[in-house]
N, C-alpha and C. Protein backbone atom coordinates (compact mmCIF):
# COMPACT_ATOMS: atom_id res chain seq x y z
N MET A 1 81.89 1.79 -179.16
CA MET A 1 82.30 3.15 -178.83
C MET A 1 81.22 4.10 -179.32
N THR A 2 80.89 5.07 -178.49
CA THR A 2 79.85 6.03 -178.86
C THR A 2 80.43 7.11 -179.79
N GLU A 3 79.53 7.85 -180.43
CA GLU A 3 79.97 8.95 -181.29
C GLU A 3 80.71 10.00 -180.47
N GLU A 4 80.25 10.28 -179.25
CA GLU A 4 80.89 11.26 -178.39
C GLU A 4 82.31 10.82 -178.03
N GLU A 5 82.48 9.55 -177.75
CA GLU A 5 83.82 9.03 -177.43
C GLU A 5 84.74 9.12 -178.64
N ALA A 6 84.22 8.79 -179.81
CA ALA A 6 85.02 8.88 -181.04
C ALA A 6 85.43 10.32 -181.31
N ARG A 7 84.53 11.26 -181.08
CA ARG A 7 84.88 12.68 -181.26
C ARG A 7 85.95 13.11 -180.26
N ALA A 8 85.84 12.66 -179.03
CA ALA A 8 86.84 13.00 -178.01
C ALA A 8 88.21 12.46 -178.41
N LEU A 9 88.24 11.25 -178.95
CA LEU A 9 89.52 10.68 -179.41
C LEU A 9 90.12 11.51 -180.55
N ALA A 10 89.29 12.21 -181.29
CA ALA A 10 89.77 13.02 -182.41
C ALA A 10 90.32 14.37 -181.96
N VAL A 11 89.90 14.86 -180.79
CA VAL A 11 90.31 16.21 -180.39
C VAL A 11 91.11 16.28 -179.09
N ASP A 12 90.91 15.35 -178.20
CA ASP A 12 91.61 15.39 -176.92
C ASP A 12 93.03 14.83 -177.07
N SER A 13 93.87 15.07 -176.07
CA SER A 13 95.22 14.50 -176.10
C SER A 13 95.69 14.02 -174.74
N VAL A 14 95.05 14.45 -173.66
CA VAL A 14 95.45 14.04 -172.32
C VAL A 14 94.41 13.08 -171.77
N ILE A 15 94.90 11.97 -171.26
CA ILE A 15 94.03 10.94 -170.71
C ILE A 15 94.66 10.42 -169.41
N ASP A 16 93.96 9.53 -168.76
CA ASP A 16 94.54 8.69 -167.72
C ASP A 16 94.53 7.27 -168.26
N ILE A 17 95.46 6.47 -167.79
CA ILE A 17 95.40 5.03 -168.07
C ILE A 17 95.50 4.30 -166.73
N THR A 18 94.80 3.20 -166.65
CA THR A 18 94.93 2.32 -165.49
C THR A 18 95.52 1.01 -165.97
N THR A 19 96.68 0.68 -165.42
CA THR A 19 97.37 -0.56 -165.75
C THR A 19 97.36 -1.47 -164.53
N THR A 20 97.72 -2.72 -164.77
CA THR A 20 97.86 -3.68 -163.68
C THR A 20 99.34 -3.83 -163.38
N GLY A 21 99.72 -3.63 -162.13
CA GLY A 21 101.12 -3.72 -161.73
C GLY A 21 101.73 -5.06 -162.10
N ARG A 22 102.89 -5.01 -162.73
CA ARG A 22 103.53 -6.24 -163.20
C ARG A 22 103.96 -7.15 -162.07
N LYS A 23 104.31 -6.57 -160.91
CA LYS A 23 104.74 -7.38 -159.76
C LYS A 23 103.63 -7.54 -158.73
N THR A 24 102.91 -6.45 -158.46
CA THR A 24 101.93 -6.47 -157.38
C THR A 24 100.55 -6.92 -157.82
N GLY A 25 100.23 -6.73 -159.11
CA GLY A 25 98.89 -7.01 -159.58
C GLY A 25 97.90 -5.93 -159.21
N GLU A 26 98.37 -4.87 -158.54
CA GLU A 26 97.49 -3.77 -158.14
C GLU A 26 97.27 -2.83 -159.31
N LEU A 27 96.11 -2.18 -159.31
CA LEU A 27 95.79 -1.22 -160.36
C LEU A 27 96.55 0.08 -160.12
N ARG A 28 97.10 0.64 -161.21
CA ARG A 28 97.87 1.88 -161.16
C ARG A 28 97.32 2.85 -162.19
N ARG A 29 96.98 4.06 -161.77
CA ARG A 29 96.41 5.06 -162.67
C ARG A 29 97.35 6.24 -162.78
N ILE A 30 97.62 6.67 -164.02
CA ILE A 30 98.47 7.83 -164.27
C ILE A 30 97.87 8.68 -165.38
N GLU A 31 98.29 9.94 -165.42
CA GLU A 31 97.93 10.83 -166.51
C GLU A 31 99.01 10.75 -167.58
N ILE A 32 98.60 10.77 -168.84
CA ILE A 32 99.55 10.65 -169.95
C ILE A 32 98.91 11.21 -171.22
N TRP A 33 99.73 11.55 -172.19
CA TRP A 33 99.23 12.00 -173.49
C TRP A 33 99.10 10.81 -174.42
N PHE A 34 98.17 10.94 -175.37
CA PHE A 34 98.10 9.95 -176.43
C PHE A 34 98.17 10.68 -177.76
N HIS A 35 98.49 9.95 -178.80
CA HIS A 35 98.69 10.53 -180.13
C HIS A 35 97.90 9.75 -181.16
N ARG A 36 97.34 10.47 -182.13
CA ARG A 36 96.63 9.87 -183.25
C ARG A 36 97.54 9.92 -184.47
N VAL A 37 97.69 8.79 -185.13
CA VAL A 37 98.50 8.72 -186.34
C VAL A 37 97.75 7.86 -187.35
N ASP A 38 97.27 8.48 -188.40
CA ASP A 38 96.56 7.76 -189.46
C ASP A 38 95.44 6.87 -188.93
N GLY A 39 94.63 7.42 -188.04
CA GLY A 39 93.49 6.68 -187.51
C GLY A 39 93.84 5.66 -186.44
N ARG A 40 95.09 5.60 -186.06
CA ARG A 40 95.54 4.68 -185.00
C ARG A 40 95.93 5.51 -183.78
N PHE A 41 96.00 4.86 -182.62
CA PHE A 41 96.26 5.56 -181.36
C PHE A 41 97.51 4.98 -180.71
N PHE A 42 98.34 5.89 -180.18
CA PHE A 42 99.63 5.51 -179.59
C PHE A 42 99.86 6.27 -178.30
N ILE A 43 100.62 5.63 -177.41
CA ILE A 43 101.09 6.27 -176.19
C ILE A 43 102.60 6.09 -176.17
N THR A 44 103.30 7.18 -175.83
CA THR A 44 104.75 7.12 -175.70
C THR A 44 105.17 7.90 -174.47
N GLY A 45 106.42 7.73 -174.10
CA GLY A 45 106.99 8.48 -172.99
C GLY A 45 108.32 9.06 -173.42
N THR A 46 108.81 10.03 -172.66
CA THR A 46 110.09 10.63 -173.00
C THR A 46 111.21 9.61 -172.87
N PRO A 47 112.25 9.78 -173.67
CA PRO A 47 113.34 8.79 -173.67
C PRO A 47 114.19 8.84 -172.41
N GLY A 48 114.87 7.72 -172.19
CA GLY A 48 115.92 7.66 -171.19
C GLY A 48 115.50 7.40 -169.77
N GLN A 49 114.25 7.13 -169.52
CA GLN A 49 113.81 6.86 -168.16
C GLN A 49 112.97 5.60 -168.13
N PRO A 50 113.16 4.77 -167.12
CA PRO A 50 112.28 3.60 -167.01
C PRO A 50 110.85 4.05 -166.74
N ARG A 51 109.91 3.34 -167.27
CA ARG A 51 108.50 3.69 -167.13
C ARG A 51 107.74 2.50 -166.58
N SER A 52 107.18 2.67 -165.40
CA SER A 52 106.39 1.59 -164.80
C SER A 52 105.17 1.27 -165.64
N TRP A 53 104.53 2.30 -166.21
CA TRP A 53 103.32 2.05 -167.00
C TRP A 53 103.64 1.13 -168.18
N TYR A 54 104.81 1.34 -168.79
CA TYR A 54 105.19 0.54 -169.95
C TYR A 54 105.49 -0.90 -169.52
N ALA A 55 106.24 -1.06 -168.45
CA ALA A 55 106.54 -2.40 -167.94
C ALA A 55 105.25 -3.12 -167.55
N ASN A 56 104.32 -2.39 -166.96
CA ASN A 56 103.04 -2.99 -166.59
C ASN A 56 102.29 -3.49 -167.82
N LEU A 57 102.30 -2.67 -168.90
CA LEU A 57 101.58 -3.06 -170.11
C LEU A 57 102.26 -4.21 -170.85
N ILE A 58 103.57 -4.32 -170.73
CA ILE A 58 104.26 -5.48 -171.31
C ILE A 58 103.81 -6.75 -170.59
N ALA A 59 103.72 -6.68 -169.27
CA ALA A 59 103.32 -7.84 -168.48
C ALA A 59 101.82 -8.13 -168.58
N HIS A 60 101.02 -7.08 -168.62
CA HIS A 60 99.55 -7.21 -168.65
C HIS A 60 99.01 -6.21 -169.68
N PRO A 61 98.87 -6.61 -170.93
CA PRO A 61 98.50 -5.66 -172.00
C PRO A 61 97.09 -5.06 -171.90
N GLU A 62 96.20 -5.68 -171.15
CA GLU A 62 94.85 -5.13 -171.01
C GLU A 62 94.91 -3.95 -170.04
N PHE A 63 94.26 -2.85 -170.43
CA PHE A 63 94.25 -1.68 -169.55
C PHE A 63 93.01 -0.84 -169.82
N THR A 64 92.82 0.20 -169.01
CA THR A 64 91.69 1.11 -169.20
C THR A 64 92.22 2.46 -169.65
N PHE A 65 91.64 2.97 -170.72
CA PHE A 65 91.96 4.24 -171.34
C PHE A 65 90.86 5.19 -170.90
N HIS A 66 91.18 6.13 -170.02
CA HIS A 66 90.17 7.01 -169.43
C HIS A 66 90.13 8.35 -170.17
N LEU A 67 89.06 8.59 -170.90
CA LEU A 67 88.83 9.91 -171.47
C LEU A 67 88.40 10.83 -170.34
N LYS A 68 88.93 12.06 -170.33
CA LYS A 68 88.58 12.96 -169.25
C LYS A 68 88.54 14.42 -169.69
N GLY A 69 88.50 14.64 -171.01
CA GLY A 69 88.46 16.01 -171.53
C GLY A 69 87.06 16.38 -171.95
N THR A 70 86.80 16.34 -173.25
CA THR A 70 85.49 16.73 -173.76
C THR A 70 84.40 15.73 -173.40
N VAL A 71 84.81 14.50 -173.10
CA VAL A 71 83.90 13.43 -172.67
C VAL A 71 84.59 12.66 -171.55
N VAL A 72 83.82 12.20 -170.60
CA VAL A 72 84.36 11.34 -169.56
C VAL A 72 83.86 9.93 -169.83
N ALA A 73 84.81 9.01 -170.04
CA ALA A 73 84.45 7.63 -170.34
C ALA A 73 85.64 6.73 -170.09
N ASP A 74 85.37 5.50 -169.76
CA ASP A 74 86.41 4.48 -169.55
C ASP A 74 86.32 3.47 -170.68
N LEU A 75 87.41 3.37 -171.46
CA LEU A 75 87.43 2.48 -172.61
C LEU A 75 88.38 1.32 -172.35
N ALA A 76 87.90 0.11 -172.56
CA ALA A 76 88.76 -1.07 -172.45
C ALA A 76 89.72 -1.08 -173.64
N ALA A 77 90.97 -1.42 -173.37
CA ALA A 77 91.98 -1.38 -174.43
C ALA A 77 93.03 -2.46 -174.22
N ILE A 78 93.78 -2.71 -175.29
CA ILE A 78 94.91 -3.63 -175.26
C ILE A 78 96.12 -2.89 -175.83
N ALA A 79 97.26 -3.06 -175.19
CA ALA A 79 98.50 -2.42 -175.63
C ALA A 79 99.33 -3.39 -176.46
N ARG A 80 99.90 -2.87 -177.54
CA ARG A 80 100.86 -3.63 -178.34
C ARG A 80 102.15 -2.82 -178.41
N PRO A 81 103.24 -3.35 -177.85
CA PRO A 81 104.51 -2.61 -177.93
C PRO A 81 104.94 -2.46 -179.39
N VAL A 82 105.39 -1.27 -179.73
CA VAL A 82 105.90 -1.01 -181.08
C VAL A 82 107.42 -1.07 -180.97
N THR A 83 107.99 -2.12 -181.53
CA THR A 83 109.42 -2.37 -181.32
C THR A 83 110.26 -2.38 -182.59
N THR A 84 109.64 -2.56 -183.76
CA THR A 84 110.45 -2.61 -184.98
C THR A 84 110.89 -1.20 -185.37
N THR A 85 112.10 -1.09 -185.85
CA THR A 85 112.65 0.22 -186.21
C THR A 85 111.80 0.92 -187.26
N ALA A 86 111.39 0.22 -188.28
CA ALA A 86 110.62 0.84 -189.37
C ALA A 86 109.30 1.41 -188.84
N GLU A 87 108.60 0.67 -188.02
CA GLU A 87 107.32 1.17 -187.51
C GLU A 87 107.54 2.32 -186.54
N ARG A 88 108.55 2.24 -185.70
CA ARG A 88 108.86 3.33 -184.77
C ARG A 88 109.20 4.61 -185.54
N GLU A 89 109.99 4.48 -186.61
CA GLU A 89 110.33 5.64 -187.42
C GLU A 89 109.08 6.28 -188.02
N GLU A 90 108.19 5.45 -188.52
CA GLU A 90 106.94 5.93 -189.13
C GLU A 90 106.09 6.70 -188.12
N ILE A 91 105.95 6.15 -186.92
CA ILE A 91 105.11 6.78 -185.89
C ILE A 91 105.77 8.05 -185.36
N PHE A 92 107.06 7.97 -185.02
CA PHE A 92 107.73 9.15 -184.46
C PHE A 92 107.88 10.27 -185.49
N ALA A 93 107.90 9.96 -186.77
CA ALA A 93 107.96 10.99 -187.80
C ALA A 93 106.73 11.89 -187.74
N VAL A 94 105.62 11.36 -187.27
CA VAL A 94 104.39 12.14 -187.12
C VAL A 94 104.30 12.77 -185.73
N VAL A 95 104.64 12.01 -184.70
CA VAL A 95 104.46 12.45 -183.32
C VAL A 95 105.47 13.53 -182.92
N LEU A 96 106.72 13.36 -183.24
CA LEU A 96 107.75 14.28 -182.74
C LEU A 96 107.58 15.72 -183.20
N PRO A 97 107.23 16.00 -184.44
CA PRO A 97 107.03 17.40 -184.82
C PRO A 97 105.92 18.09 -184.00
N ARG A 98 104.98 17.32 -183.52
CA ARG A 98 103.89 17.89 -182.70
C ARG A 98 104.37 18.28 -181.31
N LEU A 99 105.51 17.74 -180.88
CA LEU A 99 106.00 18.00 -179.53
C LEU A 99 106.80 19.29 -179.42
N GLY A 100 107.11 19.92 -180.54
CA GLY A 100 107.75 21.23 -180.55
C GLY A 100 109.10 21.28 -179.87
N ASP A 101 109.26 22.21 -178.93
CA ASP A 101 110.54 22.48 -178.28
C ASP A 101 111.10 21.28 -177.51
N LEU A 102 110.26 20.37 -177.11
CA LEU A 102 110.73 19.21 -176.35
C LEU A 102 111.79 18.43 -177.10
N VAL A 103 111.68 18.34 -178.42
CA VAL A 103 112.64 17.55 -179.20
C VAL A 103 113.80 18.38 -179.73
N ASN A 104 113.87 19.66 -179.37
CA ASN A 104 114.97 20.51 -179.83
C ASN A 104 116.19 20.44 -178.93
N LYS A 105 116.13 19.70 -177.85
CA LYS A 105 117.27 19.53 -176.96
C LYS A 105 118.07 18.33 -177.43
N PRO A 106 119.41 18.38 -177.36
CA PRO A 106 120.22 17.25 -177.84
C PRO A 106 119.85 15.91 -177.20
N GLU A 107 119.53 15.94 -175.91
CA GLU A 107 119.17 14.68 -175.23
C GLU A 107 117.79 14.17 -175.64
N MET A 108 117.07 14.96 -176.41
CA MET A 108 115.74 14.58 -176.88
C MET A 108 115.67 14.52 -178.40
N ALA A 109 116.79 14.38 -179.06
CA ALA A 109 116.82 14.31 -180.52
C ALA A 109 116.01 13.11 -181.01
N PRO A 110 115.49 13.18 -182.23
CA PRO A 110 114.70 12.07 -182.77
C PRO A 110 115.38 10.71 -182.66
N ALA A 111 116.67 10.65 -182.88
CA ALA A 111 117.38 9.37 -182.78
C ALA A 111 117.28 8.78 -181.37
N VAL A 112 117.29 9.65 -180.37
CA VAL A 112 117.17 9.20 -178.97
C VAL A 112 115.77 8.64 -178.72
N TRP A 113 114.76 9.33 -179.25
CA TRP A 113 113.38 8.82 -179.12
C TRP A 113 113.26 7.45 -179.77
N LEU A 114 113.80 7.31 -180.97
CA LEU A 114 113.71 6.03 -181.67
C LEU A 114 114.37 4.91 -180.88
N GLU A 115 115.47 5.22 -180.26
CA GLU A 115 116.26 4.21 -179.55
C GLU A 115 115.67 3.84 -178.19
N SER A 116 115.13 4.82 -177.45
CA SER A 116 114.85 4.51 -176.04
C SER A 116 113.50 4.94 -175.50
N SER A 117 112.58 5.39 -176.33
CA SER A 117 111.27 5.77 -175.81
C SER A 117 110.30 4.60 -175.86
N PRO A 118 109.53 4.42 -174.78
CA PRO A 118 108.48 3.42 -174.84
C PRO A 118 107.42 3.86 -175.84
N LEU A 119 106.89 2.93 -176.59
CA LEU A 119 105.85 3.24 -177.57
C LEU A 119 104.91 2.05 -177.68
N ILE A 120 103.62 2.33 -177.46
CA ILE A 120 102.62 1.28 -177.62
C ILE A 120 101.52 1.76 -178.55
N GLU A 121 100.94 0.80 -179.26
CA GLU A 121 99.73 1.07 -180.02
C GLU A 121 98.55 0.61 -179.17
N VAL A 122 97.50 1.40 -179.19
CA VAL A 122 96.29 1.13 -178.41
C VAL A 122 95.23 0.57 -179.33
N THR A 123 94.65 -0.55 -178.96
CA THR A 123 93.48 -1.10 -179.65
C THR A 123 92.35 -1.16 -178.66
N PHE A 124 91.22 -0.55 -179.03
CA PHE A 124 90.06 -0.55 -178.14
C PHE A 124 89.29 -1.85 -178.32
N THR A 125 88.80 -2.38 -177.20
CA THR A 125 88.07 -3.64 -177.22
C THR A 125 86.63 -3.38 -176.76
N PRO A 126 85.71 -4.23 -177.21
CA PRO A 126 84.31 -4.04 -176.80
C PRO A 126 84.12 -4.26 -175.31
């Protein structure tokens, strides 16, 4: 990873990801936010809705993390689903306060995020 890419990971928050379709095997690209927590990188989605990107990453964990803000670059990555309650609590304790008004609705309470939001950790590969 270049210094410019590392700096972009420190300041940007919106990216695209390209996943491999779990059923079709076709490449799928979407825009999504990512979060930094203690030097680690995570992607999550709002609770209560099925997410194709998450299902794709469960089936095919290798994906492309596309920087498109301060730097444009395609980074190879692997997704690891975060499923244990303790780890989810630790990550969401940092991520949710950053989301502001989004989590102030009863249907978006922290307990709902813990129970039903997709959450993956991103590891960049050479």
